[in-house]
């Protein structure tokens, strides 16, 4: 009887340790993915700002062109 209990206890400890290592790995993957998404989000924001500034500049040029063409 003691052997059965000890075997089961050891099996549960191994399973617990395996689960702990897997959770640790998943936490690391989650952190890495979060950091990647933050970098991508920052790049999107920067490109949106550049595109917005370009559109604004083009609109100002168009407005100036229209103003100089008026009689």
PDB file of N, CA and C in Angstrom:
ATOM      1  N   UNK A   1       0.817  -1.190   0.000  1.00  0.00           N
ATOM      2  CA  UNK A   1       0.000   0.000   0.000  1.00  0.00           C
ATOM      3  C   UNK A   1       0.860   1.253   0.000  1.00  0.00           C
ATOM      4  N   UNK A   2       1.905   1.270   0.827  1.00  0.00           N
ATOM      5  CA  UNK A   2       2.783   2.436   0.874  1.00  0.00           C
ATOM      6  C   UNK A   2       3.453   2.679  -0.466  1.00  0.00           C
ATOM      7  N   UNK A   3       3.802   1.625  -1.163  1.00  0.00           N
ATOM      8  CA  UNK A   3       4.459   1.757  -2.466  1.00  0.00           C
ATOM      9  C   UNK A   3       3.514   2.404  -3.470  1.00  0.00           C
ATOM     10  N   UNK A   4       2.273   2.034  -3.454  1.00  0.00           N
ATOM     11  CA  UNK A   4       1.287   2.612  -4.372  1.00  0.00           C
ATOM     12  C   UNK A   4       1.131   4.107  -4.097  1.00  0.00           C
ATOM     13  N   UNK A   5       1.029   4.474  -2.829  1.00  0.00           N
ATOM     14  CA  UNK A   5       0.888   5.882  -2.460  1.00  0.00           C
ATOM     15  C   UNK A   5       2.131   6.684  -2.849  1.00  0.00           C
ATOM     16  N   UNK A   6       3.301   6.149  -2.586  1.00  0.00           N
ATOM     17  CA  UNK A   6       4.540   6.844  -2.931  1.00  0.00           C
ATOM     18  C   UNK A   6       4.695   6.983  -4.434  1.00  0.00           C
ATOM     19  N   UNK A   7       4.324   5.941  -5.174  1.00  0.00           N
ATOM     20  CA  UNK A   7       4.379   6.019  -6.634  1.00  0.00           C
ATOM     21  C   UNK A   7       3.444   7.117  -7.151  1.00  0.00           C
ATOM     22  N   UNK A   8       2.230   7.146  -6.606  1.00  0.00           N
ATOM     23  CA  UNK A   8       1.259   8.162  -7.036  1.00  0.00           C
ATOM     24  C   UNK A   8       1.737   9.562  -6.657  1.00  0.00           C
ATOM     25  N   UNK A   9       2.296   9.702  -5.454  1.00  0.00           N
ATOM     26  CA  UNK A   9       2.823  10.988  -4.997  1.00  0.00           C
ATOM     27  C   UNK A   9       3.950  11.459  -5.913  1.00  0.00           C
ATOM     28  N   UNK A  10       4.844  10.573  -6.261  1.00  0.00           N
ATOM     29  CA  UNK A  10       5.939  10.926  -7.171  1.00  0.00           C
ATOM     30  C   UNK A  10       5.423  11.291  -8.560  1.00  0.00           C
ATOM     31  N   UNK A  11       4.427  10.561  -9.037  1.00  0.00           N
ATOM     32  CA  UNK A  11       3.841  10.865 -10.349  1.00  0.00           C
ATOM     33  C   UNK A  11       3.191  12.247 -10.325  1.00  0.00           C
ATOM     34  N   UNK A  12       2.487  12.564  -9.266  1.00  0.00           N
ATOM     35  CA  UNK A  12       1.851  13.873  -9.145  1.00  0.00           C
ATOM     36  C   UNK A  12       2.887  14.995  -9.048  1.00  0.00           C
ATOM     37  N   UNK A  13       3.960  14.745  -8.336  1.00  0.00           N
ATOM     38  CA  UNK A  13       5.030  15.759  -8.246  1.00  0.00           C
ATOM     39  C   UNK A  13       5.655  16.019  -9.616  1.00  0.00           C
ATOM     40  N   UNK A  14       5.894  14.947 -10.377  1.00  0.00           N
ATOM     41  CA  UNK A  14       6.449  15.111 -11.728  1.00  0.00           C
ATOM     42  C   UNK A  14       5.482  15.883 -12.613  1.00  0.00           C
ATOM     43  N   UNK A  15       4.196  15.541 -12.535  1.00  0.00           N
ATOM     44  CA  UNK A  15       3.179  16.218 -13.326  1.00  0.00           C
ATOM     45  C   UNK A  15       3.085  17.698 -12.931  1.00  0.00           C
ATOM     46  N   UNK A  16       3.146  17.958 -11.638  1.00  0.00           N
ATOM     47  CA  UNK A  16       3.100  19.330 -11.152  1.00  0.00           C
ATOM     48  C   UNK A  16       4.293  20.132 -11.672  1.00  0.00           C
ATOM     49  N   UNK A  17       5.459  19.565 -11.608  1.00  0.00           N
ATOM     50  CA  UNK A  17       6.671  20.251 -12.082  1.00  0.00           C
ATOM     51  C   UNK A  17       6.614  20.492 -13.590  1.00  0.00           C
ATOM     52  N   UNK A  18       6.117  19.518 -14.313  1.00  0.00           N
ATOM     53  CA  UNK A  18       5.961  19.679 -15.756  1.00  0.00           C
ATOM     54  C   UNK A  18       4.993  20.821 -16.059  1.00  0.00           C
ATOM     55  N   UNK A  19       3.888  20.892 -15.351  1.00  0.00           N
ATOM     56  CA  UNK A  19       2.925  21.969 -15.537  1.00  0.00           C
ATOM     57  C   UNK A  19       3.505  23.326 -15.167  1.00  0.00           C
ATOM     58  N   UNK A  20       4.294  23.368 -14.089  1.00  0.00           N
ATOM     59  CA  UNK A  20       4.926  24.617 -13.678  1.00  0.00           C
ATOM     60  C   UNK A  20       5.890  25.128 -14.741  1.00  0.00           C
ATOM     61  N   UNK A  21       6.684  24.222 -15.313  1.00  0.00           N
ATOM     62  CA  UNK A  21       7.620  24.611 -16.374  1.00  0.00           C
ATOM     63  C   UNK A  21       6.876  25.090 -17.618  1.00  0.00           C
ATOM     64  N   UNK A  22       5.788  24.418 -17.959  1.00  0.00           N
ATOM     65  CA  UNK A  22       5.001  24.818 -19.123  1.00  0.00           C
ATOM     66  C   UNK A  22       4.383  26.196 -18.896  1.00  0.00           C
ATOM     67  N   UNK A  23       3.865  26.449 -17.709  1.00  0.00           N
ATOM     68  CA  UNK A  23       3.288  27.755 -17.395  1.00  0.00           C
ATOM     69  C   UNK A  23       4.354  28.843 -17.464  1.00  0.00           C
ATOM     70  N   UNK A  24       5.535  28.550 -16.979  1.00  0.00           N
ATOM     71  CA  UNK A  24       6.650  29.496 -17.041  1.00  0.00           C
ATOM     72  C   UNK A  24       6.987  29.825 -18.497  1.00  0.00           C
ATOM     73  N   UNK A  25       6.994  28.809 -19.332  1.00  0.00           N
ATOM     74  CA  UNK A  25       7.279  29.003 -20.747  1.00  0.00           C
ATOM     75  C   UNK A  25       6.194  29.852 -21.410  1.00  0.00           C
ATOM     76  N   UNK A  26       4.942  29.565 -21.090  1.00  0.00           N
ATOM     77  CA  UNK A  26       3.832  30.331 -21.665  1.00  0.00           C
ATOM     78  C   UNK A  26       3.863  31.789 -21.199  1.00  0.00           C
ATOM     79  N   UNK A  27       4.227  32.020 -19.946  1.00  0.00           N
ATOM     80  CA  UNK A  27       4.352  33.386 -19.449  1.00  0.00           C
ATOM     81  C   UNK A  27       5.430  34.148 -20.217  1.00  0.00           C
ATOM     82  N   UNK A  28       6.543  33.475 -20.495  1.00  0.00           N
ATOM     83  CA  UNK A  28       7.623  34.107 -21.254  1.00  0.00           C
ATOM     84  C   UNK A  28       7.160  34.405 -22.684  1.00  0.00           C
ATOM     85  N   UNK A  29       6.447  33.473 -23.295  1.00  0.00           N
ATOM     86  CA  UNK A  29       5.921  33.694 -24.647  1.00  0.00           C
ATOM     87  C   UNK A  29       4.933  34.858 -24.653  1.00  0.00           C
ATOM     88  N   UNK A  30       4.102  34.932 -23.633  1.00  0.00           N
ATOM     89  CA  UNK A  30       3.114  36.016 -23.536  1.00  0.00           C
ATOM     90  C   UNK A  30       3.817  37.365 -23.431  1.00  0.00           C
ATOM     91  N   UNK A  31       4.844  37.432 -22.601  1.00  0.00           N
ATOM     92  CA  UNK A  31       5.585  38.684 -22.437  1.00  0.00           C
ATOM     93  C   UNK A  31       6.260  39.085 -23.750  1.00  0.00           C
ATOM     94  N   UNK A  32       6.830  38.109 -24.435  1.00  0.00           N
ATOM     95  CA  UNK A  32       7.481  38.384 -25.716  1.00  0.00           C
ATOM     96  C   UNK A  32       6.471  38.870 -26.753  1.00  0.00           C
ATOM     97  N   UNK A  33       5.316  38.244 -26.798  1.00  0.00           N
ATOM     98  CA  UNK A  33       4.273  38.646 -27.738  1.00  0.00           C
ATOM     99  C   UNK A  33       3.748  40.045 -27.407  1.00  0.00           C
ATOM    100  N   UNK A  34       3.565  40.328 -26.118  1.00  0.00           N
ATOM    101  CA  UNK A  34       3.116  41.657 -25.691  1.00  0.00           C
ATOM    102  C   UNK A  34       4.111  42.719 -26.150  1.00  0.00           C
ATOM    103  N   UNK A  35       5.406  42.462 -25.939  1.00  0.00           N
ATOM    104  CA  UNK A  35       6.433  43.413 -26.364  1.00  0.00           C
ATOM    105  C   UNK A  35       6.415  43.615 -27.879  1.00  0.00           C
ATOM    106  N   UNK A  36       6.240  42.529 -28.614  1.00  0.00           N
ATOM    107  CA  UNK A  36       6.172  42.622 -30.078  1.00  0.00           C
ATOM    108  C   UNK A  36       4.977  43.461 -30.505  1.00  0.00           C
ATOM    109  N   UNK A  37       3.824  43.232 -29.882  1.00  0.00           N
ATOM    110  CA  UNK A  37       2.633  44.001 -30.225  1.00  0.00           C
ATOM    111  C   UNK A  37       2.802  45.480 -29.876  1.00  0.00           C
ATOM    112  N   UNK A  38       3.482  45.770 -28.779  1.00  0.00           N
ATOM    113  CA  UNK A  38       3.741  47.166 -28.427  1.00  0.00           C
ATOM    114  C   UNK A  38       4.621  47.837 -29.472  1.00  0.00           C
ATOM    115  N   UNK A  39       5.654  47.124 -29.937  1.00  0.00           N
ATOM    116  CA  UNK A  39       6.524  47.686 -30.981  1.00  0.00           C
ATOM    117  C   UNK A  39       5.751  47.914 -32.269  1.00  0.00           C
ATOM    118  N   UNK A  40       4.928  46.942 -32.655  1.00  0.00           N
ATOM    119  CA  UNK A  40       4.134  47.082 -33.875  1.00  0.00           C
ATOM    120  C   UNK A  40       3.152  48.245 -33.729  1.00  0.00           C
ATOM    121  N   UNK A  41       2.507  48.338 -32.582  1.00  0.00           N
ATOM    122  CA  UNK A  41       1.572  49.436 -32.346  1.00  0.00           C
ATOM    123  C   UNK A  41       2.265  50.788 -32.424  1.00  0.00           C
ATOM    124  N   UNK A  42       3.479  50.874 -31.890  1.00  0.00           N
ATOM    125  CA  UNK A  42       4.245  52.116 -31.977  1.00  0.00           C
ATOM    126  C   UNK A  42       4.600  52.458 -33.406  1.00  0.00           C
ATOM    127  N   UNK A  43       4.970  51.450 -34.185  1.00  0.00           N
ATOM    128  CA  UNK A  43       5.306  51.678 -35.593  1.00  0.00           C
ATOM    129  C   UNK A  43       4.070  52.138 -36.370  1.00  0.00           C
ATOM    130  N   UNK A  44       2.919  51.537 -36.073  1.00  0.00           N
ATOM    131  CA  UNK A  44       1.677  51.951 -36.736  1.00  0.00           C
ATOM    132  C   UNK A  44       1.367  53.403 -36.407  1.00  0.00           C
ATOM    133  N   UNK A  45       1.500  53.759 -35.146  1.00  0.00           N
ATOM    134  CA  UNK A  45       1.225  55.133 -34.734  1.00  0.00           C
ATOM    135  C   UNK A  45       2.163  56.114 -35.430  1.00  0.00           C
ATOM    136  N   UNK A  46       3.455  55.777 -35.472  1.00  0.00           N
ATOM    137  CA  UNK A  46       4.428  56.661 -36.115  1.00  0.00           C
ATOM    138  C   UNK A  46       4.119  56.821 -37.601  1.00  0.00           C
ATOM    139  N   UNK A  47       3.806  55.729 -38.276  1.00  0.00           N
ATOM    140  CA  UNK A  47       3.493  55.814 -39.701  1.00  0.00           C
ATOM    141  C   UNK A  47       2.204  56.585 -39.955  1.00  0.00           C
ATOM    142  N   UNK A  48       1.218  56.422 -39.078  1.00  0.00           N
ATOM    143  CA  UNK A  48      -0.010  57.208 -39.206  1.00  0.00           C
ATOM    144  C   UNK A  48       0.280  58.696 -39.064  1.00  0.00           C
ATOM    145  N   UNK A  49       1.152  59.040 -38.131  1.00  0.00           N
ATOM    146  CA  UNK A  49       1.500  60.449 -37.940  1.00  0.00           C
ATOM    147  C   UNK A  49       2.239  61.000 -39.156  1.00  0.00           C
ATOM    148  N   UNK A  50       3.162  60.216 -39.709  1.00  0.00           N
ATOM    149  CA  UNK A  50       3.894  60.650 -40.902  1.00  0.00           C
ATOM    150  C   UNK A  50       2.923  60.796 -42.074  1.00  0.00           C
ATOM    151  N   UNK A  51       2.048  59.814 -42.237  1.00  0.00           N
ATOM    152  CA  UNK A  51       1.075  59.876 -43.335  1.00  0.00           C
ATOM    153  C   UNK A  51       0.147  61.073 -43.148  1.00  0.00           C
ATOM    154  N   UNK A  52      -0.258  61.337 -41.930  1.00  0.00           N
ATOM    155  CA  UNK A  52      -1.114  62.481 -41.662  1.00  0.00           C
ATOM    156  C   UNK A  52      -0.411  63.786 -41.953  1.00  0.00           C
ATOM    157  N   UNK A  53       0.852  63.877 -41.610  1.00  0.00           N
ATOM    158  CA  UNK A  53       1.620  65.093 -41.881  1.00  0.00           C
ATOM    159  C   UNK A  53       1.786  65.280 -43.387  1.00  0.00           C
ATOM    160  N   UNK A  54       2.007  64.184 -44.110  1.00  0.00           N
ATOM    161  CA  UNK A  54       2.131  64.272 -45.569  1.00  0.00           C
ATOM    162  C   UNK A  54       0.820  64.751 -46.180  1.00  0.00           C
ATOM    163  N   UNK A  55      -0.287  64.166 -45.745  1.00  0.00           N
ATOM    164  CA  UNK A  55      -1.594  64.572 -46.268  1.00  0.00           C
ATOM    165  C   UNK A  55      -1.858  66.035 -45.957  1.00  0.00           C
ATOM    166  N   UNK A  56      -1.492  66.449 -44.763  1.00  0.00           N
ATOM    167  CA  UNK A  56      -1.689  67.841 -44.372  1.00  0.00           C
ATOM    168  C   UNK A  56      -0.842  68.763 -45.242  1.00  0.00           C
ATOM    169  N   UNK A  57       0.403  68.370 -45.487  1.00  0.00           N
ATOM    170  CA  UNK A  57       1.289  69.158 -46.351  1.00  0.00           C
ATOM    171  C   UNK A  57       0.775  69.213 -47.772  1.00  0.00           C
ATOM    172  N   UNK A  58       0.294  68.102 -48.279  1.00  0.00           N
ATOM    173  CA  UNK A  58      -0.247  68.068 -49.641  1.00  0.00           C
ATOM    174  C   UNK A  58      -1.498  68.942 -49.740  1.00  0.00           C
ATOM    175  N   UNK A  59      -2.318  68.915 -48.696  1.00  0.00           N
ATOM    176  CA  UNK A  59      -3.532  69.734 -48.701  1.00  0.00           C
ATOM    177  C   UNK A  59      -3.158  71.216 -48.670  1.00  0.00           C
ATOM    178  N   UNK A  60      -2.137  71.556 -47.884  1.00  0.00           N
ATOM    179  CA  UNK A  60      -1.702  72.962 -47.837  1.00  0.00           C
ATOM    180  C   UNK A  60      -1.156  73.402 -49.192  1.00  0.00           C
ATOM    181  N   UNK A  61      -0.397  72.521 -49.845  1.00  0.00           N
ATOM    182  CA  UNK A  61       0.125  72.848 -51.177  1.00  0.00           C
ATOM    183  C   UNK A  61      -1.019  73.033 -52.166  1.00  0.00           C
ATOM    184  N   UNK A  62      -2.030  72.161 -52.075  1.00  0.00           N
ATOM    185  CA  UNK A  62      -3.180  72.257 -52.969  1.00  0.00           C
ATOM    186  C   UNK A  62      -3.928  73.552 -52.704  1.00  0.00           C
ATOM    187  N   UNK A  63      -4.067  73.911 -51.425  1.00  0.00           N
ATOM    188  CA  UNK A  63      -4.752  75.152 -51.085  1.00  0.00           C
ATOM    189  C   UNK A  63      -3.980  76.345 -51.616  1.00  0.00           C
ATOM    190  N   UNK A  64      -2.659  76.321 -51.502  1.00  0.00           N
ATOM    191  CA  UNK A  64      -1.836  77.418 -52.006  1.00  0.00           C
ATOM    192  C   UNK A  64      -1.922  77.491 -53.524  1.00  0.00           C
ATOM    193  N   UNK A  65      -1.927  76.354 -54.180  1.00  0.00           N
ATOM    194  CA  UNK A  65      -2.036  76.313 -55.633  1.00  0.00           C
ATOM    195  C   UNK A  65      -3.353  76.875 -56.096  1.00  0.00           C
ATOM    196  N   UNK A  66      -4.399  76.577 -55.403  1.00  0.00           N
ATOM    197  CA  UNK A  66      -5.722  77.083 -55.746  1.00  0.00           C
ATOM    198  C   UNK A  66      -5.783  78.582 -55.494  1.00  0.00           C
ATOM    199  N   UNK A  67      -5.178  79.035 -54.417  1.00  0.00           N
ATOM    200  CA  UNK A  67      -5.214  80.447 -54.066  1.00  0.00           C
ATOM    201  C   UNK A  67      -4.429  81.274 -55.085  1.00  0.00           C
ATOM    202  N   UNK A  68      -3.317  80.759 -55.598  1.00  0.00           N
ATOM    203  CA  UNK A  68      -2.512  81.514 -56.554  1.00  0.00           C
ATOM    204  C   UNK A  68      -3.129  81.486 -57.939  1.00  0.00           C
ATOM    205  N   UNK A  69      -3.960  80.502 -58.220  1.00  0.00           N
ATOM    206  CA  UNK A  69      -4.603  80.420 -59.537  1.00  0.00           C
ATOM    207  C   UNK A  69      -5.841  81.294 -59.621  1.00  0.00           C
ATOM    208  N   UNK A  70      -6.362  81.760 -58.500  1.00  0.00           N
ATOM    209  CA  UNK A  70      -7.558  82.602 -58.509  1.00  0.00           C
ATOM    210  C   UNK A  70      -7.236  83.983 -59.072  1.00  0.00           C
ATOM    211  N   UNK A  71      -8.183  84.598 -59.805  1.00  0.00           N
ATOM    212  CA  UNK A  71      -7.939  85.921 -60.375  1.00  0.00           C
ATOM    213  C   UNK A  71      -7.904  87.021 -59.349  1.00  0.00           C
TER     214      UNK A  71
END
